[in-house]
Amino acid sequence: MSLVLARVMTFYAASDKIADLVTAMRSELPPRYESIPGYRGILVLEKPGGNHIIAITFWDGQEGVEASEDAAADNAKRIGHASGTTVSVHVYDVMGTSGLFD
């Protein structure tokens, strides 16, 4: 498997804003990222009964992460504005998977 990197965005939002944010992420993020070279996929997680969201995008190597930096920064800004909170953003090496990228 080639080097895959993951950008992880984590944020909290008031419960009345969660549904709108998740809907927007499901509809807007995939098409935007699919146009960027190196895009492998996205996974959006919501804590059951809570207000915690984690969005993980997967990229082929450092080039993919760099190519997506402007889109990620814009998305983090939009999410932060809509949720009223700070968005934590980190990039990780994907150390291994089972079935996701085989």
Foldseek 3Di string as FASTA:
>chain_A
DAWKKKKKKKDFADPVLQVVLVVCCVPPVPVVLVVQPFWDDKDWDDDVPGGMIMIMTMGGPPRRVVSCVVVVVVSQVVVCVSRVHHMDIDMGIDPDDDPRPD
